[in-house]
Amino acid sequence: MCDPRRINSVAPATAVKQGARRGNMMKRSLLCALLLAMTAIPAGAANLVKTYSYFSIGGSTLDDIETQLSKRGPQVKSTGSRHPGATQMAFTTRISYARQAGSCRIADAAVTVKVKVILPEWRRPRKADADVKLFWDTLSADIKRHEERHVEIAKNHARKLEEALKATYPRKDCDTAKAKAAQITAAVLAEHDRAQVQFDRVEGVNFESRILRLLRYRIERIESGQLRPPA
């Protein structure tokens, strides 16, 4: 799910909110931010600044958890719906120009994508059944995997944008060079938005079969002693 908005540096950039809709089995959640941990990670040539925010949900049954997520999940503007996890993104470009006799070129370009990943945290009651705990462990791992893939898509497009800006040839003047930079930025970010939407679409279609497959795999690992049962 994409909710694009535009910001500006030297060339326009975008911020995208991504939500992972998980079908009818589980809905969405946002009660309170419990933790905010920031790390700055190089994404190839581009830069990634990633923040995690966790919110609490309660409930001792699958229905309870579903209700909690549907009431408290992070809301995505583009759909108005709440989701079990979300990723907020903002791209920033910094471009320097060099004038030469009769021309102007991009001397350097740096792209930073700032990402906030919002994930659920279940406060497990003692009376929760082992089956509910098993399902939650499977679901929460899949939510995190989904949101991290959104981050990877953004990181890859930030790198692509930076490389495309640096590869441009000199223009007759700096106004023309800036216009070209804006054109490149808009094109790459539009491609990014489409990639994020397509990823959500594919994930939504495959959700139930994926969760069932992951549940079977987790059960097999527990039965073989490779994984500890849910506490």
C-alpha atoms as a PDB file:
ATOM      1  CA  MET A   1       0.000   0.000   0.000  1.00  0.00           C
ATOM      2  CA  CYS A   2       1.531   3.307  -1.069  1.00  0.00           C
ATOM      3  CA  ASP A   3       0.828   6.791   0.203  1.00  0.00           C
ATOM      4  CA  PRO A   4       3.254   9.023  -1.730  1.00  0.00           C
ATOM      5  CA  ARG A   5       3.954  12.602  -0.782  1.00  0.00           C
ATOM      6  CA  ARG A   6       6.617  14.930  -2.190  1.00  0.00           C
ATOM      7  CA  ILE A   7       9.482  16.724  -0.489  1.00  0.00           C
ATOM      8  CA  ASN A   8      12.239  18.799  -2.042  1.00  0.00           C
ATOM      9  CA  SER A   9      15.988  19.063  -1.838  1.00  0.00           C
ATOM     10  CA  VAL A  10      17.818  20.068  -4.998  1.00  0.00           C
ATOM     11  CA  ALA A  11      15.575  17.758  -6.955  1.00  0.00           C
ATOM     12  CA  PRO A  12      12.145  16.525  -5.841  1.00  0.00           C
ATOM     13  CA  ALA A  13      12.025  13.414  -3.739  1.00  0.00           C
ATOM     14  CA  THR A  14       9.248  11.404  -2.199  1.00  0.00           C
ATOM     15  CA  ALA A  15       8.057   9.857   1.016  1.00  0.00           C
ATOM     16  CA  VAL A  16       6.091   6.663   0.857  1.00  0.00           C
ATOM     17  CA  LYS A  17       4.113   4.902   3.527  1.00  0.00           C
ATOM     18  CA  GLN A  18       3.930   1.200   3.034  1.00  0.00           C
ATOM     19  CA  GLY A  19       1.462  -1.043   4.827  1.00  0.00           C
ATOM     20  CA  ALA A  20       1.342  -4.801   4.821  1.00  0.00           C
ATOM     21  CA  ARG A  21      -2.296  -5.832   4.584  1.00  0.00           C
ATOM     22  CA  ARG A  22      -2.578  -9.385   5.783  1.00  0.00           C
ATOM     23  CA  GLY A  23      -6.065 -10.472   4.588  1.00  0.00           C
ATOM     24  CA  ASN A  24      -8.988 -11.559   6.723  1.00  0.00           C
ATOM     25  CA  MET A  25      -6.988 -13.751   9.088  1.00  0.00           C
ATOM     26  CA  MET A  26      -5.336 -10.781  10.795  1.00  0.00           C
ATOM     27  CA  LYS A  27      -6.056  -7.073  10.596  1.00  0.00           C
ATOM     28  CA  ARG A  28      -3.869  -4.165  11.854  1.00  0.00           C
ATOM     29  CA  SER A  29      -2.463  -2.302  14.940  1.00  0.00           C
ATOM     30  CA  LEU A  30      -1.011   0.846  16.617  1.00  0.00           C
ATOM     31  CA  LEU A  31      -1.439   1.424  20.386  1.00  0.00           C
ATOM     32  CA  CYS A  32       1.737   3.153  21.421  1.00  0.00           C
ATOM     33  CA  ALA A  33       5.347   3.420  20.348  1.00  0.00           C
ATOM     34  CA  LEU A  34       7.430   1.520  22.898  1.00  0.00           C
ATOM     35  CA  LEU A  35      10.839   1.626  21.331  1.00  0.00           C
ATOM     36  CA  LEU A  36      12.632   3.785  18.811  1.00  0.00           C
ATOM     37  CA  ALA A  37      16.074   2.501  17.791  1.00  0.00           C
ATOM     38  CA  MET A  38      17.934   4.321  15.057  1.00  0.00           C
ATOM     39  CA  THR A  39      20.784   3.027  12.944  1.00  0.00           C
ATOM     40  CA  ALA A  40      22.508   4.547   9.936  1.00  0.00           C
ATOM     41  CA  ILE A  41      23.463   1.907   7.389  1.00  0.00           C
ATOM     42  CA  PRO A  42      25.214   2.358   4.047  1.00  0.00           C
ATOM     43  CA  ALA A  43      22.994   1.097   1.197  1.00  0.00           C
ATOM     44  CA  GLY A  44      25.637   0.589  -1.435  1.00  0.00           C
ATOM     45  CA  ALA A  45      26.377   4.083  -2.679  1.00  0.00           C
ATOM     46  CA  ALA A  46      23.202   5.569  -1.183  1.00  0.00           C
ATOM     47  CA  ASN A  47      22.519   5.926   2.561  1.00  0.00           C
ATOM     48  CA  LEU A  48      19.836   4.273   4.654  1.00  0.00           C
ATOM     49  CA  VAL A  49      18.687   5.575   8.028  1.00  0.00           C
ATOM     50  CA  LYS A  50      16.394   3.010   9.625  1.00  0.00           C
ATOM     51  CA  THR A  51      14.225   3.431  12.700  1.00  0.00           C
ATOM     52  CA  TYR A  52      12.131   0.786  14.451  1.00  0.00           C
ATOM     53  CA  SER A  53       8.970   1.524  16.394  1.00  0.00           C
ATOM     54  CA  TYR A  54       7.050  -1.144  18.302  1.00  0.00           C
ATOM     55  CA  PHE A  55       3.461  -1.069  19.540  1.00  0.00           C
ATOM     56  CA  SER A  56       1.713  -3.319  22.056  1.00  0.00           C
ATOM     57  CA  ILE A  57      -1.319  -5.511  21.573  1.00  0.00           C
ATOM     58  CA  GLY A  58      -3.039  -7.877  23.992  1.00  0.00           C
ATOM     59  CA  GLY A  59      -5.499 -10.740  23.771  1.00  0.00           C
ATOM     60  CA  SER A  60      -5.356 -14.458  24.480  1.00  0.00           C
ATOM     61  CA  THR A  61      -7.101 -15.824  21.358  1.00  0.00           C
ATOM     62  CA  LEU A  62      -6.748 -15.303  17.619  1.00  0.00           C
ATOM     63  CA  ASP A  63     -10.021 -13.367  17.620  1.00  0.00           C
ATOM     64  CA  ASP A  64      -8.709 -11.130  20.411  1.00  0.00           C
ATOM     65  CA  ILE A  65      -5.510 -10.439  18.512  1.00  0.00           C
ATOM     66  CA  GLU A  66      -7.432  -9.751  15.309  1.00  0.00           C
ATOM     67  CA  THR A  67      -9.623  -7.247  17.132  1.00  0.00           C
ATOM     68  CA  GLN A  68      -6.609  -5.544  18.703  1.00  0.00           C
ATOM     69  CA  LEU A  69      -4.854  -5.208  15.359  1.00  0.00           C
ATOM     70  CA  SER A  70      -7.959  -3.912  13.608  1.00  0.00           C
ATOM     71  CA  LYS A  71      -8.361  -1.172  16.224  1.00  0.00           C
ATOM     72  CA  ARG A  72      -4.748  -0.226  16.872  1.00  0.00           C
ATOM     73  CA  GLY A  73      -2.804  -0.932  13.721  1.00  0.00           C
ATOM     74  CA  PRO A  74      -0.897   1.861  11.947  1.00  0.00           C
ATOM     75  CA  GLN A  75      -3.252   3.617   9.560  1.00  0.00           C
ATOM     76  CA  VAL A  76      -2.215   4.148   5.938  1.00  0.00           C
ATOM     77  CA  LYS A  77      -3.622   7.281   4.324  1.00  0.00           C
ATOM     78  CA  SER A  78      -4.020   5.817   0.856  1.00  0.00           C
ATOM     79  CA  THR A  79      -6.442   3.133   2.082  1.00  0.00           C
ATOM     80  CA  GLY A  80      -7.703   4.502   5.380  1.00  0.00           C
ATOM     81  CA  SER A  81      -7.141   0.994   6.742  1.00  0.00           C
ATOM     82  CA  ARG A  82      -5.102  -0.219   9.663  1.00  0.00           C
ATOM     83  CA  HIS A  83      -2.326  -2.741   9.139  1.00  0.00           C
ATOM     84  CA  PRO A  84      -0.329  -5.161  11.317  1.00  0.00           C
ATOM     85  CA  GLY A  85       2.899  -3.489  10.223  1.00  0.00           C
ATOM     86  CA  ALA A  86       3.921  -0.470   8.197  1.00  0.00           C
ATOM     87  CA  THR A  87       7.012   1.198   6.778  1.00  0.00           C
ATOM     88  CA  GLN A  88       7.252   4.959   6.356  1.00  0.00           C
ATOM     89  CA  MET A  89       9.873   6.245   3.920  1.00  0.00           C
ATOM     90  CA  ALA A  90      11.334   9.583   2.858  1.00  0.00           C
ATOM     91  CA  PHE A  91      13.912  10.071   0.108  1.00  0.00           C
ATOM     92  CA  THR A  92      16.242  13.083   0.157  1.00  0.00           C
ATOM     93  CA  THR A  93      18.624  14.036  -2.648  1.00  0.00           C
ATOM     94  CA  ARG A  94      21.611  16.355  -2.322  1.00  0.00           C
ATOM     95  CA  ILE A  95      23.159  17.401  -5.616  1.00  0.00           C
ATOM     96  CA  SER A  96      26.127  19.660  -6.321  1.00  0.00           C
ATOM     97  CA  TYR A  97      26.821  21.194  -9.721  1.00  0.00           C
ATOM     98  CA  ALA A  98      30.056  22.233 -11.444  1.00  0.00           C
ATOM     99  CA  ARG A  99      30.141  24.969 -14.052  1.00  0.00           C
ATOM    100  CA  GLN A 100      32.598  24.758 -16.905  1.00  0.00           C
ATOM    101  CA  ALA A 101      33.059  26.825 -20.023  1.00  0.00           C
ATOM    102  CA  GLY A 102      29.702  26.711 -21.753  1.00  0.00           C
ATOM    103  CA  SER A 103      28.307  23.814 -19.706  1.00  0.00           C
ATOM    104  CA  CYS A 104      27.175  22.612 -16.292  1.00  0.00           C
ATOM    105  CA  ARG A 105      27.278  19.097 -14.897  1.00  0.00           C
ATOM    106  CA  ILE A 106      26.333  17.208 -11.754  1.00  0.00           C
ATOM    107  CA  ALA A 107      29.551  17.050  -9.749  1.00  0.00           C
ATOM    108  CA  ASP A 108      28.158  14.823  -7.015  1.00  0.00           C
ATOM    109  CA  ALA A 109      24.862  13.323  -5.875  1.00  0.00           C
ATOM    110  CA  ALA A 110      23.921  11.718  -2.569  1.00  0.00           C
ATOM    111  CA  VAL A 111      20.608  10.029  -1.873  1.00  0.00           C
ATOM    112  CA  THR A 112      19.412   9.216   1.630  1.00  0.00           C
ATOM    113  CA  VAL A 113      16.309   7.198   2.412  1.00  0.00           C
ATOM    114  CA  LYS A 114      14.941   7.514   5.937  1.00  0.00           C
ATOM    115  CA  VAL A 115      12.791   4.580   6.979  1.00  0.00           C
ATOM    116  CA  LYS A 116      10.591   3.977  10.004  1.00  0.00           C
ATOM    117  CA  VAL A 117       9.464   0.368  10.414  1.00  0.00           C
ATOM    118  CA  ILE A 118       6.420  -0.097  12.661  1.00  0.00           C
ATOM    119  CA  LEU A 119       5.945  -3.592  14.081  1.00  0.00           C
ATOM    120  CA  PRO A 120       3.525  -5.210  16.555  1.00  0.00           C
ATOM    121  CA  GLU A 121       4.515  -6.612  19.921  1.00  0.00           C
ATOM    122  CA  TRP A 122       2.155  -9.064  21.604  1.00  0.00           C
ATOM    123  CA  ARG A 123       2.037  -9.079  25.386  1.00  0.00           C
ATOM    124  CA  ARG A 124       1.329 -12.752  25.858  1.00  0.00           C
ATOM    125  CA  PRO A 125      -1.049 -13.628  28.694  1.00  0.00           C
ATOM    126  CA  ARG A 126      -0.278 -16.785  30.633  1.00  0.00           C
ATOM    127  CA  LYS A 127      -3.582 -18.354  29.626  1.00  0.00           C
ATOM    128  CA  ALA A 128      -2.892 -18.130  25.895  1.00  0.00           C
ATOM    129  CA  ASP A 129      -2.931 -21.548  24.212  1.00  0.00           C
ATOM    130  CA  ALA A 130       0.220 -22.943  22.654  1.00  0.00           C
ATOM    131  CA  ASP A 131      -1.484 -22.929  19.239  1.00  0.00           C
ATOM    132  CA  VAL A 132      -2.124 -19.190  19.524  1.00  0.00           C
ATOM    133  CA  LYS A 133       1.492 -18.588  20.522  1.00  0.00           C
ATOM    134  CA  LEU A 134       2.684 -20.679  17.594  1.00  0.00           C
ATOM    135  CA  PHE A 135       0.516 -18.775  15.155  1.00  0.00           C
ATOM    136  CA  TRP A 136       1.659 -15.427  16.536  1.00  0.00           C
ATOM    137  CA  ASP A 137       5.328 -16.368  16.279  1.00  0.00           C
ATOM    138  CA  THR A 138       4.747 -17.312  12.647  1.00  0.00           C
ATOM    139  CA  LEU A 139       2.698 -14.236  11.804  1.00  0.00           C
ATOM    140  CA  SER A 140       4.959 -11.704  13.530  1.00  0.00           C
ATOM    141  CA  ALA A 141       8.028 -13.119  11.775  1.00  0.00           C
ATOM    142  CA  ASP A 142       6.238 -12.797   8.443  1.00  0.00           C
ATOM    143  CA  ILE A 143       5.195  -9.217   9.195  1.00  0.00           C
ATOM    144  CA  LYS A 144       8.806  -8.275   9.927  1.00  0.00           C
ATOM    145  CA  ARG A 145      10.059 -10.034   6.792  1.00  0.00           C
ATOM    146  CA  HIS A 146       7.465  -8.182   4.715  1.00  0.00           C
ATOM    147  CA  GLU A 147       8.389  -4.758   6.077  1.00  0.00           C
ATOM    148  CA  GLU A 148      12.116  -5.412   5.715  1.00  0.00           C
ATOM    149  CA  ARG A 149      11.511  -6.221   2.059  1.00  0.00           C
ATOM    150  CA  HIS A 150       9.865  -2.808   1.658  1.00  0.00           C
ATOM    151  CA  VAL A 151      13.070  -1.329   3.058  1.00  0.00           C
ATOM    152  CA  GLU A 152      15.166  -3.318   0.569  1.00  0.00           C
ATOM    153  CA  ILE A 153      13.056  -2.069  -2.335  1.00  0.00           C
ATOM    154  CA  ALA A 154      13.531   1.516  -1.174  1.00  0.00           C
ATOM    155  CA  LYS A 155      17.266   1.032  -0.639  1.00  0.00           C
ATOM    156  CA  ASN A 156      17.711  -0.426  -4.120  1.00  0.00           C
ATOM    157  CA  HIS A 157      15.889   2.474  -5.737  1.00  0.00           C
ATOM    158  CA  ALA A 158      17.864   5.013  -3.706  1.00  0.00           C
ATOM    159  CA  ARG A 159      21.036   3.440  -5.070  1.00  0.00           C
ATOM    160  CA  LYS A 160      19.604   3.431  -8.589  1.00  0.00           C
ATOM    161  CA  LEU A 161      18.648   7.104  -8.315  1.00  0.00           C
ATOM    162  CA  GLU A 162      22.079   8.116  -7.085  1.00  0.00           C
ATOM    163  CA  GLU A 163      23.810   6.208  -9.879  1.00  0.00           C
ATOM    164  CA  ALA A 164      21.484   7.683 -12.511  1.00  0.00           C
ATOM    165  CA  LEU A 165      22.133  11.230 -11.303  1.00  0.00           C
ATOM    166  CA  LYS A 166      25.894  10.750 -11.316  1.00  0.00           C
ATOM    167  CA  ALA A 167      25.789   9.285 -14.828  1.00  0.00           C
ATOM    168  CA  THR A 168      24.201  12.311 -16.502  1.00  0.00           C
ATOM    169  CA  TYR A 169      26.284  14.172 -19.063  1.00  0.00           C
ATOM    170  CA  PRO A 170      26.947  17.953 -18.981  1.00  0.00           C
ATOM    171  CA  ARG A 171      24.149  20.361 -19.983  1.00  0.00           C
ATOM    172  CA  LYS A 172      24.372  23.797 -21.515  1.00  0.00           C
ATOM    173  CA  ASP A 173      23.702  25.500 -18.158  1.00  0.00           C
ATOM    174  CA  CYS A 174      22.909  24.630 -14.550  1.00  0.00           C
ATOM    175  CA  ASP A 175      19.190  25.339 -14.867  1.00  0.00           C
ATOM    176  CA  THR A 176      19.016  22.697 -17.576  1.00  0.00           C
ATOM    177  CA  ALA A 177      21.103  20.317 -15.460  1.00  0.00           C
ATOM    178  CA  LYS A 178      18.766  20.841 -12.502  1.00  0.00           C
ATOM    179  CA  ALA A 179      15.732  20.207 -14.672  1.00  0.00           C
ATOM    180  CA  LYS A 180      17.282  16.951 -15.865  1.00  0.00           C
ATOM    181  CA  ALA A 181      18.031  15.925 -12.279  1.00  0.00           C
ATOM    182  CA  ALA A 182      14.410  16.576 -11.348  1.00  0.00           C
ATOM    183  CA  GLN A 183      13.236  14.508 -14.309  1.00  0.00           C
ATOM    184  CA  ILE A 184      15.477  11.578 -13.379  1.00  0.00           C
ATOM    185  CA  THR A 185      14.405  11.748  -9.740  1.00  0.00           C
ATOM    186  CA  ALA A 186      10.710  11.763 -10.588  1.00  0.00           C
ATOM    187  CA  ALA A 187      11.104   8.797 -12.942  1.00  0.00           C
ATOM    188  CA  VAL A 188      13.072   6.627 -10.500  1.00  0.00           C
ATOM    189  CA  LEU A 189      10.771   7.406  -7.580  1.00  0.00           C
ATOM    190  CA  ALA A 190       7.692   6.652  -9.666  1.00  0.00           C
ATOM    191  CA  GLU A 191       9.288   3.312 -10.510  1.00  0.00           C
ATOM    192  CA  HIS A 192       9.931   2.794  -6.793  1.00  0.00           C
ATOM    193  CA  ASP A 193       6.304   3.472  -5.933  1.00  0.00           C
ATOM    194  CA  ARG A 194       5.124   0.968  -8.543  1.00  0.00           C
ATOM    195  CA  ALA A 195       7.522  -1.665  -7.212  1.00  0.00           C
ATOM    196  CA  GLN A 196       6.210  -1.217  -3.675  1.00  0.00           C
ATOM    197  CA  VAL A 197       2.582  -1.473  -4.796  1.00  0.00           C
ATOM    198  CA  GLN A 198       3.327  -4.589  -6.840  1.00  0.00           C
ATOM    199  CA  PHE A 199       5.088  -6.209  -3.882  1.00  0.00           C
ATOM    200  CA  ASP A 200       2.081  -5.582  -1.629  1.00  0.00           C
ATOM    201  CA  ARG A 201      -0.250  -6.950  -4.287  1.00  0.00           C
ATOM    202  CA  VAL A 202       1.680 -10.205  -4.654  1.00  0.00           C
ATOM    203  CA  GLU A 203       2.070 -10.610  -0.898  1.00  0.00           C
ATOM    204  CA  GLY A 204      -1.652 -10.077  -0.333  1.00  0.00           C
ATOM    205  CA  VAL A 205      -2.632 -12.724  -2.873  1.00  0.00           C
ATOM    206  CA  ASN A 206      -0.242 -15.293  -1.405  1.00  0.00           C
ATOM    207  CA  PHE A 207      -0.808 -14.500   2.267  1.00  0.00           C
ATOM    208  CA  GLU A 208      -2.893 -17.457   3.424  1.00  0.00           C
ATOM    209  CA  SER A 209      -0.917 -20.115   1.553  1.00  0.00           C
ATOM    210  CA  ARG A 210       2.340 -18.567   2.771  1.00  0.00           C
ATOM    211  CA  ILE A 211       1.255 -18.520   6.421  1.00  0.00           C
ATOM    212  CA  LEU A 212       0.065 -22.132   6.254  1.00  0.00           C
ATOM    213  CA  ARG A 213       3.363 -23.174   4.697  1.00  0.00           C
ATOM    214  CA  LEU A 214       5.330 -21.289   7.352  1.00  0.00           C
ATOM    215  CA  LEU A 215       3.220 -22.839  10.110  1.00  0.00           C
ATOM    216  CA  ARG A 216       3.874 -26.347   8.792  1.00  0.00           C
ATOM    217  CA  TYR A 217       7.585 -25.637   8.536  1.00  0.00           C
ATOM    218  CA  ARG A 218       7.725 -24.253  12.074  1.00  0.00           C
ATOM    219  CA  ILE A 219       5.829 -27.264  13.443  1.00  0.00           C
ATOM    220  CA  GLU A 220       8.200 -29.646  11.639  1.00  0.00           C
ATOM    221  CA  ARG A 221      11.203 -27.886  13.163  1.00  0.00           C
ATOM    222  CA  ILE A 222       9.682 -28.050  16.640  1.00  0.00           C
ATOM    223  CA  GLU A 223       8.883 -31.757  16.257  1.00  0.00           C
ATOM    224  CA  SER A 224      12.422 -32.498  15.050  1.00  0.00           C
ATOM    225  CA  GLY A 225      13.942 -30.603  17.969  1.00  0.00           C
ATOM    226  CA  GLN A 226      15.454 -27.878  15.773  1.00  0.00           C
ATOM    227  CA  LEU A 227      13.238 -25.181  17.294  1.00  0.00           C
ATOM    228  CA  ARG A 228      11.998 -24.683  20.826  1.00  0.00           C
ATOM    229  CA  PRO A 229       8.205 -24.716  21.330  1.00  0.00           C
ATOM    230  CA  PRO A 230       6.557 -21.327  22.031  1.00  0.00           C
ATOM    231  CA  ALA A 231       7.135 -20.252  25.619  1.00  0.00           C
END
